Amino acid sequence: MSDLTRIKARSAGELLQHFELSDESETVAGIDDTPRLAITKLVDTENYHDAVTMLAHAMPKREVIWWACLCTKKTMDQTVDLDCAAVAAAELWVREPNEANWLSVRKISERGKNRTAAEWLATASSWCMGSMADTGDVEVPPPDFLYAHAVAASITLAAVAAAPEKIAENYQLFIRMGFDLAAGGSGQIE
């Protein structure tokens, strides 16, 4: 039994049905590894984006959006109104994942161009439920795990938002935060 109680997959192979690792990462993480072991191996070999992507695919939607909120807030520019609105709307959706809060985060997502971690966060949140179609006539649900790819983009941008010498440090902190969430914690660690 894993201590990462919020991760239901028993192996990395189960998660890899929904995304592909880079060529280098494929030689590191085994499909029979537990998710924790595979992610740890990826971090140890500095394959950070693949580690983040795997963890984003492993956790439930609300937890993974919360994780991206926490990571984004660590490095975002607090003076950018759209980014602040994106984080606030995503946090509200996490607390109450209802249609009104989804519509709010979707509107913010549509205003952004996915240039920042916060804009990707809003996009990830908007892909957790509802329809991707613009009209109410046709229901087009987001593809499974599309939100996880956007979460990985958000967290990657958050990690690289600071000076280049802090990228590895940010990624390592963000993975520890994700593991804390996956184990039932709040993810709010330093």
N, C-alpha and C. Protein backbone atom coordinates (compact mmCIF):
# COMPACT_ATOMS: atom_id res chain seq x y z
N MET A 1 0.85 -1.19 0.00
CA MET A 1 0.00 0.00 0.00
C MET A 1 0.89 1.24 0.00
N SER A 2 0.57 2.17 -0.84
CA SER A 2 1.34 3.39 -0.97
C SER A 2 0.90 4.42 0.07
N ASP A 3 1.83 5.25 0.49
CA ASP A 3 1.48 6.35 1.38
C ASP A 3 0.86 7.51 0.60
N LEU A 4 0.87 7.42 -0.72
CA LEU A 4 0.26 8.45 -1.57
C LEU A 4 -1.19 8.04 -1.83
N THR A 5 -2.02 8.22 -0.81
CA THR A 5 -3.38 7.70 -0.82
C THR A 5 -4.27 8.31 -1.90
N ARG A 6 -3.93 9.48 -2.39
CA ARG A 6 -4.75 10.10 -3.43
C ARG A 6 -4.36 9.65 -4.83
N ILE A 7 -3.37 8.80 -4.94
CA ILE A 7 -2.99 8.23 -6.24
C ILE A 7 -3.52 6.82 -6.30
N LYS A 8 -4.41 6.58 -7.24
CA LYS A 8 -5.04 5.26 -7.36
C LYS A 8 -4.25 4.31 -8.25
N ALA A 9 -3.46 4.84 -9.17
CA ALA A 9 -2.66 3.99 -10.06
C ALA A 9 -1.63 3.22 -9.24
N ARG A 10 -1.46 1.98 -9.58
CA ARG A 10 -0.46 1.15 -8.88
C ARG A 10 0.89 1.15 -9.57
N SER A 11 0.89 1.51 -10.86
CA SER A 11 2.15 1.49 -11.60
C SER A 11 2.24 2.71 -12.52
N ALA A 12 3.46 3.04 -12.87
CA ALA A 12 3.68 4.13 -13.83
C ALA A 12 3.05 3.79 -15.17
N GLY A 13 3.04 2.50 -15.51
CA GLY A 13 2.44 2.07 -16.77
C GLY A 13 0.98 2.47 -16.89
N GLU A 14 0.24 2.43 -15.79
CA GLU A 14 -1.16 2.86 -15.82
C GLU A 14 -1.26 4.33 -16.21
N LEU A 15 -0.36 5.14 -15.71
CA LEU A 15 -0.38 6.57 -16.01
C LEU A 15 0.10 6.86 -17.42
N LEU A 16 1.03 6.06 -17.90
CA LEU A 16 1.61 6.28 -19.22
C LEU A 16 0.65 5.93 -20.36
N GLN A 17 -0.52 5.45 -20.03
CA GLN A 17 -1.55 5.25 -21.05
C GLN A 17 -2.11 6.59 -21.52
N HIS A 18 -1.83 7.67 -20.78
CA HIS A 18 -2.43 8.96 -21.06
C HIS A 18 -1.44 10.03 -21.52
N PHE A 19 -0.17 9.71 -21.52
CA PHE A 19 0.85 10.64 -22.01
C PHE A 19 2.13 9.86 -22.28
N GLU A 20 3.05 10.49 -23.00
CA GLU A 20 4.32 9.86 -23.32
C GLU A 20 5.47 10.57 -22.63
N LEU A 21 6.40 9.79 -22.15
CA LEU A 21 7.63 10.35 -21.58
C LEU A 21 8.58 10.73 -22.70
N SER A 22 9.51 11.62 -22.41
CA SER A 22 10.57 11.91 -23.36
C SER A 22 11.43 10.65 -23.53
N ASP A 23 12.20 10.61 -24.59
CA ASP A 23 13.06 9.44 -24.84
C ASP A 23 13.99 9.17 -23.67
N GLU A 24 14.60 10.22 -23.11
CA GLU A 24 15.51 10.03 -21.98
C GLU A 24 14.78 9.47 -20.77
N SER A 25 13.58 9.99 -20.51
CA SER A 25 12.83 9.55 -19.34
C SER A 25 12.37 8.10 -19.46
N GLU A 26 12.13 7.66 -20.68
CA GLU A 26 11.72 6.27 -20.88
C GLU A 26 12.78 5.29 -20.40
N THR A 27 14.04 5.70 -20.43
CA THR A 27 15.12 4.82 -19.97
C THR A 27 15.27 4.87 -18.45
N VAL A 28 14.58 5.81 -17.81
CA VAL A 28 14.72 6.02 -16.37
C VAL A 28 13.57 5.38 -15.59
N ALA A 29 12.36 5.70 -15.99
CA ALA A 29 11.16 5.25 -15.25
C ALA A 29 10.62 3.98 -15.87
N GLY A 30 10.51 2.94 -15.06
CA GLY A 30 9.98 1.68 -15.55
C GLY A 30 8.47 1.62 -15.45
N ILE A 31 7.84 0.95 -16.38
CA ILE A 31 6.38 0.89 -16.36
C ILE A 31 5.85 0.12 -15.15
N ASP A 32 6.67 -0.76 -14.58
CA ASP A 32 6.24 -1.51 -13.40
C ASP A 32 6.57 -0.79 -12.09
N ASP A 33 7.28 0.33 -12.18
CA ASP A 33 7.57 1.12 -10.98
C ASP A 33 6.28 1.68 -10.39
N THR A 34 6.25 1.86 -9.08
CA THR A 34 5.12 2.58 -8.49
C THR A 34 5.20 4.02 -8.99
N PRO A 35 4.09 4.75 -8.97
CA PRO A 35 4.17 6.15 -9.38
C PRO A 35 5.21 6.94 -8.59
N ARG A 36 5.27 6.74 -7.27
CA ARG A 36 6.26 7.46 -6.46
C ARG A 36 7.68 7.15 -6.91
N LEU A 37 7.98 5.88 -7.12
CA LEU A 37 9.33 5.50 -7.53
C LEU A 37 9.66 6.07 -8.91
N ALA A 38 8.75 5.98 -9.84
CA ALA A 38 9.00 6.51 -11.18
C ALA A 38 9.23 8.01 -11.14
N ILE A 39 8.41 8.73 -10.39
CA ILE A 39 8.56 10.18 -10.30
C ILE A 39 9.87 10.53 -9.60
N THR A 40 10.20 9.81 -8.55
CA THR A 40 11.46 10.05 -7.84
C THR A 40 12.66 9.81 -8.76
N LYS A 41 12.61 8.75 -9.55
CA LYS A 41 13.69 8.48 -10.51
C LYS A 41 13.82 9.62 -11.52
N LEU A 42 12.68 10.13 -11.97
CA LEU A 42 12.70 11.23 -12.94
C LEU A 42 13.29 12.49 -12.32
N VAL A 43 12.93 12.78 -11.09
CA VAL A 43 13.49 13.95 -10.40
C VAL A 43 14.99 13.76 -10.18
N ASP A 44 15.39 12.57 -9.75
CA ASP A 44 16.81 12.31 -9.49
C ASP A 44 17.67 12.47 -10.73
N THR A 45 17.09 12.26 -11.90
CA THR A 45 17.83 12.39 -13.16
C THR A 45 17.52 13.72 -13.86
N GLU A 46 16.88 14.62 -13.12
CA GLU A 46 16.56 15.97 -13.59
C GLU A 46 15.63 15.99 -14.81
N ASN A 47 14.80 15.00 -14.91
CA ASN A 47 13.74 14.97 -15.93
C ASN A 47 12.47 15.54 -15.30
N TYR A 48 12.57 16.80 -14.93
CA TYR A 48 11.55 17.43 -14.11
C TYR A 48 10.19 17.55 -14.78
N HIS A 49 10.18 17.97 -16.04
CA HIS A 49 8.88 18.15 -16.70
C HIS A 49 8.12 16.82 -16.77
N ASP A 50 8.82 15.74 -17.08
CA ASP A 50 8.15 14.44 -17.12
C ASP A 50 7.68 14.02 -15.73
N ALA A 51 8.45 14.35 -14.70
CA ALA A 51 8.03 14.03 -13.32
C ALA A 51 6.75 14.79 -12.98
N VAL A 52 6.70 16.06 -13.32
CA VAL A 52 5.51 16.88 -13.07
C VAL A 52 4.32 16.34 -13.86
N THR A 53 4.56 15.99 -15.11
CA THR A 53 3.48 15.48 -15.95
C THR A 53 2.92 14.19 -15.38
N MET A 54 3.78 13.30 -14.93
CA MET A 54 3.31 12.05 -14.36
C MET A 54 2.49 12.29 -13.10
N LEU A 55 2.97 13.15 -12.23
CA LEU A 55 2.23 13.44 -10.99
C LEU A 55 0.91 14.13 -11.31
N ALA A 56 0.90 14.99 -12.32
CA ALA A 56 -0.35 15.66 -12.71
C ALA A 56 -1.38 14.66 -13.22
N HIS A 57 -0.93 13.60 -13.86
CA HIS A 57 -1.84 12.56 -14.34
C HIS A 57 -2.26 11.61 -13.23
N ALA A 58 -1.51 11.59 -12.14
CA ALA A 58 -1.77 10.62 -11.08
C ALA A 58 -2.82 11.07 -10.07
N MET A 59 -2.91 12.37 -9.84
CA MET A 59 -3.81 12.86 -8.79
C MET A 59 -5.19 13.22 -9.34
N PRO A 60 -6.20 13.23 -8.46
CA PRO A 60 -7.54 13.66 -8.87
C PRO A 60 -7.54 15.14 -9.31
N LYS A 61 -8.53 15.51 -10.08
CA LYS A 61 -8.61 16.85 -10.67
C LYS A 61 -8.47 17.98 -9.66
N ARG A 62 -9.28 17.97 -8.63
CA ARG A 62 -9.24 19.09 -7.67
C ARG A 62 -7.88 19.22 -7.01
N GLU A 63 -7.28 18.11 -6.63
CA GLU A 63 -5.97 18.15 -5.98
C GLU A 63 -4.89 18.66 -6.93
N VAL A 64 -4.97 18.23 -8.18
CA VAL A 64 -3.93 18.64 -9.13
C VAL A 64 -4.08 20.13 -9.49
N ILE A 65 -5.31 20.62 -9.55
CA ILE A 65 -5.51 22.05 -9.79
C ILE A 65 -5.02 22.84 -8.57
N TRP A 66 -5.30 22.36 -7.38
CA TRP A 66 -4.80 23.02 -6.17
C TRP A 66 -3.28 23.05 -6.16
N TRP A 67 -2.66 21.95 -6.56
CA TRP A 67 -1.20 21.88 -6.64
C TRP A 67 -0.68 22.97 -7.59
N ALA A 68 -1.31 23.09 -8.75
CA ALA A 68 -0.88 24.11 -9.71
C ALA A 68 -1.10 25.52 -9.15
N CYS A 69 -2.18 25.71 -8.39
CA CYS A 69 -2.40 27.01 -7.73
C CYS A 69 -1.24 27.34 -6.80
N LEU A 70 -0.87 26.39 -5.97
CA LEU A 70 0.20 26.62 -5.00
C LEU A 70 1.53 26.92 -5.69
N CYS A 71 1.84 26.15 -6.72
CA CYS A 71 3.10 26.35 -7.44
C CYS A 71 3.11 27.69 -8.16
N THR A 72 2.01 28.02 -8.81
CA THR A 72 1.92 29.27 -9.55
C THR A 72 2.11 30.47 -8.63
N LYS A 73 1.47 30.43 -7.47
CA LYS A 73 1.57 31.55 -6.53
C LYS A 73 2.99 31.76 -6.01
N LYS A 74 3.80 30.71 -6.00
CA LYS A 74 5.17 30.82 -5.50
C LYS A 74 6.03 31.75 -6.35
N THR A 75 5.79 31.79 -7.66
CA THR A 75 6.71 32.52 -8.54
C THR A 75 6.03 33.57 -9.42
N MET A 76 4.72 33.70 -9.33
CA MET A 76 4.03 34.61 -10.25
C MET A 76 4.24 36.08 -9.89
N ASP A 77 4.07 36.92 -10.87
CA ASP A 77 4.12 38.36 -10.69
C ASP A 77 2.77 38.81 -10.13
N GLN A 78 2.77 39.22 -8.88
CA GLN A 78 1.53 39.60 -8.19
C GLN A 78 0.90 40.89 -8.72
N THR A 79 1.59 41.56 -9.63
CA THR A 79 1.05 42.81 -10.17
C THR A 79 0.28 42.61 -11.47
N VAL A 80 0.25 41.40 -11.98
CA VAL A 80 -0.46 41.12 -13.24
C VAL A 80 -1.90 40.74 -12.90
N ASP A 81 -2.82 41.62 -13.22
CA ASP A 81 -4.22 41.42 -12.83
C ASP A 81 -4.81 40.13 -13.37
N LEU A 82 -4.55 39.81 -14.63
CA LEU A 82 -5.12 38.59 -15.21
C LEU A 82 -4.60 37.35 -14.49
N ASP A 83 -3.34 37.34 -14.15
CA ASP A 83 -2.77 36.20 -13.44
C ASP A 83 -3.39 36.06 -12.04
N CYS A 84 -3.54 37.16 -11.35
CA CYS A 84 -4.16 37.12 -10.02
C CYS A 84 -5.61 36.63 -10.11
N ALA A 85 -6.33 37.10 -11.12
CA ALA A 85 -7.72 36.66 -11.31
C ALA A 85 -7.78 35.18 -11.66
N ALA A 86 -6.83 34.71 -12.46
CA ALA A 86 -6.80 33.30 -12.85
C ALA A 86 -6.60 32.40 -11.63
N VAL A 87 -5.65 32.76 -10.78
CA VAL A 87 -5.39 31.96 -9.58
C VAL A 87 -6.60 32.00 -8.65
N ALA A 88 -7.17 33.17 -8.44
CA ALA A 88 -8.33 33.29 -7.55
C ALA A 88 -9.51 32.46 -8.06
N ALA A 89 -9.75 32.50 -9.37
CA ALA A 89 -10.86 31.73 -9.94
C ALA A 89 -10.60 30.23 -9.83
N ALA A 90 -9.36 29.81 -10.07
CA ALA A 90 -9.03 28.38 -9.95
C ALA A 90 -9.17 27.91 -8.51
N GLU A 91 -8.72 28.73 -7.56
CA GLU A 91 -8.87 28.36 -6.15
C GLU A 91 -10.35 28.24 -5.77
N LEU A 92 -11.16 29.14 -6.27
CA LEU A 92 -12.59 29.08 -5.99
C LEU A 92 -13.20 27.81 -6.57
N TRP A 93 -12.78 27.45 -7.80
CA TRP A 93 -13.29 26.21 -8.41
C TRP A 93 -12.88 24.99 -7.58
N VAL A 94 -11.65 24.99 -7.06
CA VAL A 94 -11.19 23.87 -6.24
C VAL A 94 -12.07 23.74 -5.00
N ARG A 95 -12.36 24.86 -4.36
CA ARG A 95 -13.18 24.83 -3.15
C ARG A 95 -14.62 24.40 -3.43
N GLU A 96 -15.16 24.88 -4.55
CA GLU A 96 -16.53 24.56 -4.93
C GLU A 96 -16.58 24.32 -6.44
N PRO A 97 -16.38 23.07 -6.86
CA PRO A 97 -16.33 22.78 -8.29
C PRO A 97 -17.74 22.71 -8.91
N ASN A 98 -18.40 23.86 -8.93
CA ASN A 98 -19.74 23.91 -9.50
C ASN A 98 -19.70 24.66 -10.84
N GLU A 99 -20.84 24.70 -11.51
CA GLU A 99 -20.88 25.30 -12.85
C GLU A 99 -20.57 26.79 -12.83
N ALA A 100 -21.07 27.51 -11.84
CA ALA A 100 -20.81 28.95 -11.78
C ALA A 100 -19.31 29.24 -11.66
N ASN A 101 -18.62 28.50 -10.81
CA ASN A 101 -17.19 28.71 -10.64
C ASN A 101 -16.41 28.23 -11.86
N TRP A 102 -16.91 27.18 -12.51
CA TRP A 102 -16.29 26.73 -13.75
C TRP A 102 -16.44 27.79 -14.84
N LEU A 103 -17.62 28.38 -14.96
CA LEU A 103 -17.84 29.42 -15.97
C LEU A 103 -16.92 30.62 -15.71
N SER A 104 -16.71 30.96 -14.46
CA SER A 104 -15.83 32.06 -14.11
C SER A 104 -14.39 31.80 -14.54
N VAL A 105 -13.89 30.62 -14.24
CA VAL A 105 -12.51 30.29 -14.60
C VAL A 105 -12.39 30.13 -16.12
N ARG A 106 -13.44 29.66 -16.75
CA ARG A 106 -13.41 29.52 -18.22
C ARG A 106 -13.32 30.89 -18.89
N LYS A 107 -14.07 31.86 -18.40
CA LYS A 107 -14.01 33.22 -18.96
C LYS A 107 -12.61 33.80 -18.84
N ILE A 108 -11.99 33.58 -17.70
CA ILE A 108 -10.62 34.07 -17.51
C ILE A 108 -9.66 33.34 -18.44
N SER A 109 -9.86 32.05 -18.59
CA SER A 109 -9.03 31.26 -19.50
C SER A 109 -9.12 31.78 -20.93
N GLU A 110 -10.32 32.14 -21.34
CA GLU A 110 -10.53 32.64 -22.71
C GLU A 110 -9.86 34.00 -22.92
N ARG A 111 -9.69 34.77 -21.86
CA ARG A 111 -9.02 36.08 -21.97
C ARG A 111 -7.51 35.93 -22.11
N GLY A 112 -6.96 34.86 -21.56
CA GLY A 112 -5.52 34.65 -21.60
C GLY A 112 -5.08 33.99 -22.89
N LYS A 113 -3.79 33.95 -23.08
CA LYS A 113 -3.21 33.34 -24.27
C LYS A 113 -2.24 32.21 -23.91
N ASN A 114 -2.36 31.70 -22.69
CA ASN A 114 -1.48 30.63 -22.20
C ASN A 114 0.00 31.01 -22.31
N ARG A 115 0.29 32.23 -21.86
CA ARG A 115 1.68 32.70 -21.85
C ARG A 115 2.31 32.58 -20.48
N THR A 116 1.49 32.46 -19.44
CA THR A 116 2.01 32.42 -18.07
C THR A 116 1.50 31.17 -17.35
N ALA A 117 2.13 30.89 -16.23
CA ALA A 117 1.69 29.75 -15.41
C ALA A 117 0.24 29.92 -15.00
N ALA A 118 -0.15 31.14 -14.62
CA ALA A 118 -1.52 31.39 -14.17
C ALA A 118 -2.52 31.21 -15.31
N GLU A 119 -2.16 31.64 -16.51
CA GLU A 119 -3.06 31.45 -17.65
C GLU A 119 -3.25 29.97 -17.95
N TRP A 120 -2.16 29.20 -17.86
CA TRP A 120 -2.29 27.74 -18.06
C TRP A 120 -3.12 27.12 -16.94
N LEU A 121 -2.99 27.64 -15.73
CA LEU A 121 -3.79 27.17 -14.61
C LEU A 121 -5.28 27.37 -14.89
N ALA A 122 -5.64 28.54 -15.38
CA ALA A 122 -7.05 28.80 -15.71
C ALA A 122 -7.52 27.84 -16.80
N THR A 123 -6.68 27.61 -17.79
CA THR A 123 -7.03 26.68 -18.86
C THR A 123 -7.22 25.27 -18.30
N ALA A 124 -6.29 24.84 -17.46
CA ALA A 124 -6.40 23.51 -16.84
C ALA A 124 -7.71 23.38 -16.08
N SER A 125 -8.04 24.39 -15.30
CA SER A 125 -9.28 24.37 -14.51
C SER A 125 -10.50 24.30 -15.41
N SER A 126 -10.46 25.03 -16.51
CA SER A 126 -11.61 25.05 -17.42
C SER A 126 -11.78 23.72 -18.14
N TRP A 127 -10.73 22.93 -18.22
CA TRP A 127 -10.81 21.63 -18.88
C TRP A 127 -11.16 20.49 -17.92
N CYS A 128 -11.52 20.81 -16.69
CA CYS A 128 -11.88 19.79 -15.71
C CYS A 128 -13.34 19.37 -15.77
N MET A 129 -14.17 20.17 -16.41
CA MET A 129 -15.59 19.84 -16.50
C MET A 129 -16.21 20.67 -17.62
N GLY A 130 -17.49 20.53 -17.82
CA GLY A 130 -18.20 21.34 -18.78
C GLY A 130 -17.91 20.96 -20.22
N SER A 131 -18.17 21.90 -21.10
CA SER A 131 -18.01 21.70 -22.53
C SER A 131 -16.93 22.60 -23.08
N MET A 132 -16.23 22.13 -24.09
CA MET A 132 -15.23 22.94 -24.76
C MET A 132 -15.84 23.77 -25.89
N ALA A 133 -17.08 23.48 -26.24
CA ALA A 133 -17.75 24.20 -27.32
C ALA A 133 -18.18 25.58 -26.85
N ASP A 134 -18.22 26.51 -27.78
CA ASP A 134 -18.64 27.88 -27.45
C ASP A 134 -20.14 28.02 -27.29
N THR A 135 -20.89 27.19 -27.97
CA THR A 135 -22.35 27.31 -27.90
C THR A 135 -22.90 26.30 -26.92
N GLY A 136 -24.08 26.60 -26.42
CA GLY A 136 -24.74 25.69 -25.50
C GLY A 136 -25.49 24.57 -26.20
N ASP A 137 -25.53 24.61 -27.53
CA ASP A 137 -26.28 23.60 -28.29
C ASP A 137 -25.56 22.26 -28.34
N VAL A 138 -24.27 22.31 -28.41
CA VAL A 138 -23.48 21.09 -28.57
C VAL A 138 -22.59 20.91 -27.34
N GLU A 139 -22.67 19.75 -26.75
CA GLU A 139 -21.84 19.42 -25.58
C GLU A 139 -20.58 18.71 -26.06
N VAL A 140 -19.41 19.31 -25.82
CA VAL A 140 -18.13 18.73 -26.21
C VAL A 140 -17.26 18.64 -24.97
N PRO A 141 -17.35 17.52 -24.25
CA PRO A 141 -16.55 17.40 -23.03
C PRO A 141 -15.06 17.37 -23.35
N PRO A 142 -14.25 17.93 -22.47
CA PRO A 142 -12.80 17.89 -22.68
C PRO A 142 -12.31 16.44 -22.68
N PRO A 143 -11.33 16.13 -23.52
CA PRO A 143 -10.75 14.78 -23.49
C PRO A 143 -10.19 14.45 -22.11
N ASP A 144 -10.26 13.19 -21.77
CA ASP A 144 -9.70 12.75 -20.49
C ASP A 144 -8.25 13.20 -20.35
N PHE A 145 -7.92 13.71 -19.21
CA PHE A 145 -6.56 14.10 -18.82
C PHE A 145 -6.00 15.30 -19.58
N LEU A 146 -6.82 15.99 -20.37
CA LEU A 146 -6.33 17.21 -21.02
C LEU A 146 -5.92 18.23 -19.97
N TYR A 147 -6.70 18.30 -18.89
CA TYR A 147 -6.38 19.21 -17.78
C TYR A 147 -4.99 18.92 -17.21
N ALA A 148 -4.59 17.64 -17.15
CA ALA A 148 -3.30 17.28 -16.57
C ALA A 148 -2.15 17.82 -17.41
N HIS A 149 -2.32 17.83 -18.72
CA HIS A 149 -1.28 18.39 -19.60
C HIS A 149 -1.15 19.90 -19.35
N ALA A 150 -2.29 20.57 -19.17
CA ALA A 150 -2.26 22.01 -18.89
C ALA A 150 -1.67 22.29 -17.51
N VAL A 151 -1.95 21.44 -16.54
CA VAL A 151 -1.34 21.59 -15.21
C VAL A 151 0.17 21.47 -15.32
N ALA A 152 0.64 20.49 -16.08
CA ALA A 152 2.09 20.32 -16.25
C ALA A 152 2.70 21.56 -16.90
N ALA A 153 2.01 22.15 -17.86
CA ALA A 153 2.50 23.38 -18.49
C ALA A 153 2.55 24.51 -17.46
N SER A 154 1.51 24.62 -16.65
CA SER A 154 1.45 25.67 -15.63
C SER A 154 2.61 25.53 -14.64
N ILE A 155 2.81 24.33 -14.14
CA ILE A 155 3.85 24.12 -13.13
C ILE A 155 5.24 24.29 -13.74
N THR A 156 5.42 23.86 -14.97
CA THR A 156 6.71 24.05 -15.65
C THR A 156 7.00 25.54 -15.81
N LEU A 157 6.01 26.31 -16.25
CA LEU A 157 6.22 27.76 -16.38
C LEU A 157 6.48 28.40 -15.02
N ALA A 158 5.81 27.93 -13.99
CA ALA A 158 6.06 28.46 -12.64
C ALA A 158 7.50 28.16 -12.21
N ALA A 159 7.99 26.98 -12.54
CA ALA A 159 9.35 26.60 -12.15
C ALA A 159 10.40 27.44 -12.85
N VAL A 160 10.14 27.80 -14.10
CA VAL A 160 11.15 28.54 -14.86
C VAL A 160 10.94 30.05 -14.79
N ALA A 161 9.90 30.50 -14.10
CA ALA A 161 9.60 31.93 -14.02
C ALA A 161 10.68 32.70 -13.28
N ALA A 162 11.33 32.06 -12.36
CA ALA A 162 12.39 32.72 -11.60
C ALA A 162 13.70 32.64 -12.39
N ALA A 163 14.75 33.09 -11.80
CA ALA A 163 16.06 33.05 -12.44
C ALA A 163 16.46 31.61 -12.77
N PRO A 164 17.22 31.43 -13.85
CA PRO A 164 17.60 30.07 -14.28
C PRO A 164 18.25 29.23 -13.18
N GLU A 165 18.98 29.86 -12.29
CA GLU A 165 19.64 29.09 -11.24
C GLU A 165 18.66 28.52 -10.21
N LYS A 166 17.40 28.92 -10.28
CA LYS A 166 16.39 28.42 -9.33
C LYS A 166 15.46 27.37 -9.93
N ILE A 167 15.63 27.03 -11.18
CA ILE A 167 14.71 26.11 -11.84
C ILE A 167 14.69 24.75 -11.14
N ALA A 168 15.83 24.14 -10.94
CA ALA A 168 15.88 22.83 -10.28
C ALA A 168 15.31 22.90 -8.88
N GLU A 169 15.66 23.94 -8.14
CA GLU A 169 15.15 24.13 -6.78
C GLU A 169 13.62 24.25 -6.79
N ASN A 170 13.09 25.03 -7.73
CA ASN A 170 11.63 25.17 -7.83
C ASN A 170 10.97 23.85 -8.15
N TYR A 171 11.47 23.15 -9.15
CA TYR A 171 10.90 21.86 -9.52
C TYR A 171 10.90 20.90 -8.32
N GLN A 172 12.01 20.83 -7.62
CA GLN A 172 12.10 19.92 -6.49
C GLN A 172 11.10 20.28 -5.39
N LEU A 173 10.95 21.56 -5.11
CA LEU A 173 9.95 22.01 -4.15
C LEU A 173 8.55 21.65 -4.63
N PHE A 174 8.27 21.91 -5.89
CA PHE A 174 6.93 21.65 -6.42
C PHE A 174 6.59 20.16 -6.37
N ILE A 175 7.55 19.30 -6.64
CA ILE A 175 7.31 17.85 -6.54
C ILE A 175 7.04 17.46 -5.09
N ARG A 176 7.80 18.01 -4.15
CA ARG A 176 7.53 17.73 -2.73
C ARG A 176 6.13 18.19 -2.34
N MET A 177 5.72 19.34 -2.84
CA MET A 177 4.37 19.84 -2.57
C MET A 177 3.33 18.87 -3.15
N GLY A 178 3.59 18.39 -4.36
CA GLY A 178 2.67 17.44 -4.99
C GLY A 178 2.59 16.13 -4.23
N PHE A 179 3.73 15.62 -3.80
CA PHE A 179 3.74 14.40 -3.00
C PHE A 179 2.97 14.60 -1.69
N ASP A 180 3.13 15.77 -1.07
CA ASP A 180 2.40 16.05 0.16
C ASP A 180 0.88 16.02 -0.10
N LEU A 181 0.46 16.62 -1.18
CA LEU A 181 -0.96 16.58 -1.55
C LEU A 181 -1.42 15.16 -1.81
N ALA A 182 -0.61 14.42 -2.55
CA ALA A 182 -0.96 13.03 -2.89
C ALA A 182 -1.05 12.15 -1.66
N ALA A 183 -0.35 12.54 -0.60
CA ALA A 183 -0.39 11.77 0.65
C ALA A 183 -1.51 12.24 1.59
N GLY A 184 -2.31 13.20 1.13
CA GLY A 184 -3.43 13.67 1.94
C GLY A 184 -3.17 14.99 2.65
N GLY A 185 -2.00 15.59 2.42
CA GLY A 185 -1.68 16.86 3.05
C GLY A 185 -2.24 18.04 2.28
N SER A 186 -1.86 19.23 2.70
CA SER A 186 -2.36 20.47 2.08
C SER A 186 -1.49 20.93 0.92
N GLY A 187 -0.28 20.38 0.82
CA GLY A 187 0.65 20.81 -0.22
C GLY A 187 1.38 22.09 0.12
N GLN A 188 1.08 22.68 1.23
CA GLN A 188 1.67 23.96 1.60
C GLN A 188 2.93 23.73 2.45
N ILE A 189 4.01 23.41 1.76
CA ILE A 189 5.29 23.15 2.42
C ILE A 189 6.33 24.07 1.84
N GLU A 190 7.42 24.19 2.51
CA GLU A 190 8.53 25.04 2.03
C GLU A 190 9.71 24.18 1.67
